[in-house]
Amino acid sequence: MLEIVVSDNGRRLPEEELAELNRRLAEGAAGTVREPDGEDGGSIGLMNVRMRLWLYFNEMADLTVQNNEPSGFRVTLRIPLETRPGGDHLESDHRR
């Protein structure tokens, strides 16, 4: 599994907002994310990344957001390196 972590030292997300974002990311994997309401920017970039991961890797990939201590937050992306469910090998140069 390849793990990519992107982190910053800006403002932290309130715990309720963080929980809601992670819930929406998890639901996005199942295709149930609602359109962003625009009030908070909708996290459309993260949703776009999550949907693309789901389309290519299904449940084998993961995207989560966590607060950093003492400030900022981090996004963790986990991608399988070798196989899909059923044993199909992933292409190293997957472009469409």
C-alpha atoms as a PDB file:
ATOM      1  CA  MET A   1       0.000   0.000   0.000  1.00  0.00           C
ATOM      2  CA  LEU A   2       1.325   3.425  -0.940  1.00  0.00           C
ATOM      3  CA  GLU A   3       0.502   6.130   1.608  1.00  0.00           C
ATOM      4  CA  ILE A   4       0.657   9.802   0.636  1.00  0.00           C
ATOM      5  CA  VAL A   5       0.219  12.441   3.361  1.00  0.00           C
ATOM      6  CA  VAL A   6      -0.342  16.130   2.598  1.00  0.00           C
ATOM      7  CA  SER A   7      -0.141  18.362   5.657  1.00  0.00           C
ATOM      8  CA  ASP A   8      -0.297  22.050   6.492  1.00  0.00           C
ATOM      9  CA  ASN A   9       0.086  24.234   9.580  1.00  0.00           C
ATOM     10  CA  GLY A  10      -2.918  26.520   9.006  1.00  0.00           C
ATOM     11  CA  ARG A  11      -6.159  26.525  10.929  1.00  0.00           C
ATOM     12  CA  ARG A  12      -7.550  23.282  12.300  1.00  0.00           C
ATOM     13  CA  LEU A  13     -11.010  22.076  11.385  1.00  0.00           C
ATOM     14  CA  PRO A  14     -13.578  22.020  14.193  1.00  0.00           C
ATOM     15  CA  GLU A  15     -14.200  18.399  15.266  1.00  0.00           C
ATOM     16  CA  GLU A  16     -17.816  18.458  14.000  1.00  0.00           C
ATOM     17  CA  GLU A  17     -16.694  19.741  10.602  1.00  0.00           C
ATOM     18  CA  LEU A  18     -13.927  17.149  10.430  1.00  0.00           C
ATOM     19  CA  ALA A  19     -16.341  14.309  11.275  1.00  0.00           C
ATOM     20  CA  GLU A  20     -18.817  15.554   8.645  1.00  0.00           C
ATOM     21  CA  LEU A  21     -16.102  15.805   5.991  1.00  0.00           C
ATOM     22  CA  ASN A  22     -14.877  12.260   6.670  1.00  0.00           C
ATOM     23  CA  ARG A  23     -18.480  11.005   6.642  1.00  0.00           C
ATOM     24  CA  ARG A  24     -19.074  12.665   3.261  1.00  0.00           C
ATOM     25  CA  LEU A  25     -15.829  11.203   1.913  1.00  0.00           C
ATOM     26  CA  ALA A  26     -16.886   7.717   3.051  1.00  0.00           C
ATOM     27  CA  GLU A  27     -20.347   8.148   1.523  1.00  0.00           C
ATOM     28  CA  GLY A  28     -18.751   9.430  -1.665  1.00  0.00           C
ATOM     29  CA  ALA A  29     -17.123   6.045  -2.038  1.00  0.00           C
ATOM     30  CA  ALA A  30     -20.608   4.560  -2.254  1.00  0.00           C
ATOM     31  CA  GLY A  31     -21.775   7.237  -4.690  1.00  0.00           C
ATOM     32  CA  THR A  32     -24.122   9.071  -2.306  1.00  0.00           C
ATOM     33  CA  VAL A  33     -22.419  12.456  -1.953  1.00  0.00           C
ATOM     34  CA  ARG A  34     -24.855  15.324  -2.393  1.00  0.00           C
ATOM     35  CA  GLU A  35     -23.984  18.401  -4.417  1.00  0.00           C
ATOM     36  CA  PRO A  36     -21.954  20.901  -2.379  1.00  0.00           C
ATOM     37  CA  ASP A  37     -24.079  23.621  -0.798  1.00  0.00           C
ATOM     38  CA  GLY A  38     -21.458  26.281  -1.507  1.00  0.00           C
ATOM     39  CA  GLU A  39     -21.435  27.653   2.055  1.00  0.00           C
ATOM     40  CA  ASP A  40     -18.110  26.057   2.989  1.00  0.00           C
ATOM     41  CA  GLY A  41     -16.749  25.495  -0.497  1.00  0.00           C
ATOM     42  CA  GLY A  42     -18.238  22.007  -0.492  1.00  0.00           C
ATOM     43  CA  SER A  43     -14.832  20.228  -0.357  1.00  0.00           C
ATOM     44  CA  ILE A  44     -15.377  19.470  -4.016  1.00  0.00           C
ATOM     45  CA  GLY A  45     -11.654  18.869  -4.656  1.00  0.00           C
ATOM     46  CA  LEU A  46     -11.478  16.157  -1.997  1.00  0.00           C
ATOM     47  CA  MET A  47     -14.749  14.644  -3.239  1.00  0.00           C
ATOM     48  CA  ASN A  48     -13.400  14.602  -6.790  1.00  0.00           C
ATOM     49  CA  VAL A  49     -10.224  12.816  -5.677  1.00  0.00           C
ATOM     50  CA  ARG A  50     -12.239  10.305  -3.608  1.00  0.00           C
ATOM     51  CA  MET A  51     -14.592   9.500  -6.495  1.00  0.00           C
ATOM     52  CA  ARG A  52     -11.682   8.968  -8.877  1.00  0.00           C
ATOM     53  CA  LEU A  53     -10.012   6.650  -6.358  1.00  0.00           C
ATOM     54  CA  TRP A  54     -13.268   4.708  -5.986  1.00  0.00           C
ATOM     55  CA  LEU A  55     -13.706   4.392  -9.752  1.00  0.00           C
ATOM     56  CA  TYR A  56     -10.223   2.959 -10.227  1.00  0.00           C
ATOM     57  CA  PHE A  57      -9.488   1.087  -6.983  1.00  0.00           C
ATOM     58  CA  ASN A  58     -12.963   0.515  -5.436  1.00  0.00           C
ATOM     59  CA  GLU A  59     -12.691  -0.108  -1.697  1.00  0.00           C
ATOM     60  CA  MET A  60      -8.952  -0.793  -1.891  1.00  0.00           C
ATOM     61  CA  ALA A  61      -8.088   2.942  -1.707  1.00  0.00           C
ATOM     62  CA  ASP A  62      -8.765   5.289   1.179  1.00  0.00           C
ATOM     63  CA  LEU A  63      -8.823   9.052   1.751  1.00  0.00           C
ATOM     64  CA  THR A  64      -9.081  10.567   5.238  1.00  0.00           C
ATOM     65  CA  VAL A  65      -8.681  13.999   6.821  1.00  0.00           C
ATOM     66  CA  GLN A  66      -7.304  14.545  10.336  1.00  0.00           C
ATOM     67  CA  ASN A  67      -6.293  17.530  12.447  1.00  0.00           C
ATOM     68  CA  ASN A  68      -2.596  18.080  13.149  1.00  0.00           C
ATOM     69  CA  GLU A  69      -1.283  19.034  16.574  1.00  0.00           C
ATOM     70  CA  PRO A  70      -1.039  21.909  17.427  1.00  0.00           C
ATOM     71  CA  SER A  71      -2.437  23.428  14.192  1.00  0.00           C
ATOM     72  CA  GLY A  72      -3.419  22.587  10.638  1.00  0.00           C
ATOM     73  CA  PHE A  73      -4.709  19.359   9.186  1.00  0.00           C
ATOM     74  CA  ARG A  74      -3.539  16.518   6.985  1.00  0.00           C
ATOM     75  CA  VAL A  75      -5.047  14.467   4.189  1.00  0.00           C
ATOM     76  CA  THR A  76      -3.951  10.830   3.968  1.00  0.00           C
ATOM     77  CA  LEU A  77      -4.342   8.913   0.728  1.00  0.00           C
ATOM     78  CA  ARG A  78      -3.790   5.136   0.620  1.00  0.00           C
ATOM     79  CA  ILE A  79      -3.466   3.412  -2.761  1.00  0.00           C
ATOM     80  CA  PRO A  80      -2.799  -0.284  -3.449  1.00  0.00           C
ATOM     81  CA  LEU A  81       0.414  -0.998  -5.315  1.00  0.00           C
ATOM     82  CA  GLU A  82      -0.129  -4.360  -6.932  1.00  0.00           C
ATOM     83  CA  THR A  83      -3.551  -5.902  -7.413  1.00  0.00           C
ATOM     84  CA  ARG A  84      -7.268  -5.268  -7.593  1.00  0.00           C
ATOM     85  CA  PRO A  85      -9.846  -7.571  -6.016  1.00  0.00           C
ATOM     86  CA  GLY A  86      -9.845 -10.791  -8.045  1.00  0.00           C
ATOM     87  CA  GLY A  87      -6.089 -10.611  -8.642  1.00  0.00           C
ATOM     88  CA  ASP A  88      -6.008  -8.339 -11.711  1.00  0.00           C
ATOM     89  CA  HIS A  89      -2.697  -6.484 -11.864  1.00  0.00           C
ATOM     90  CA  LEU A  90      -2.810  -2.704 -11.871  1.00  0.00           C
ATOM     91  CA  GLU A  91      -1.238  -0.938 -14.805  1.00  0.00           C
ATOM     92  CA  SER A  92       1.684   1.246 -13.782  1.00  0.00           C
ATOM     93  CA  ASP A  93       0.848   3.731 -16.554  1.00  0.00           C
ATOM     94  CA  HIS A  94      -2.963   3.973 -16.349  1.00  0.00           C
ATOM     95  CA  ARG A  95      -4.160   6.771 -18.638  1.00  0.00           C
ATOM     96  CA  ARG A  96      -7.416   7.118 -20.540  1.00  0.00           C
END
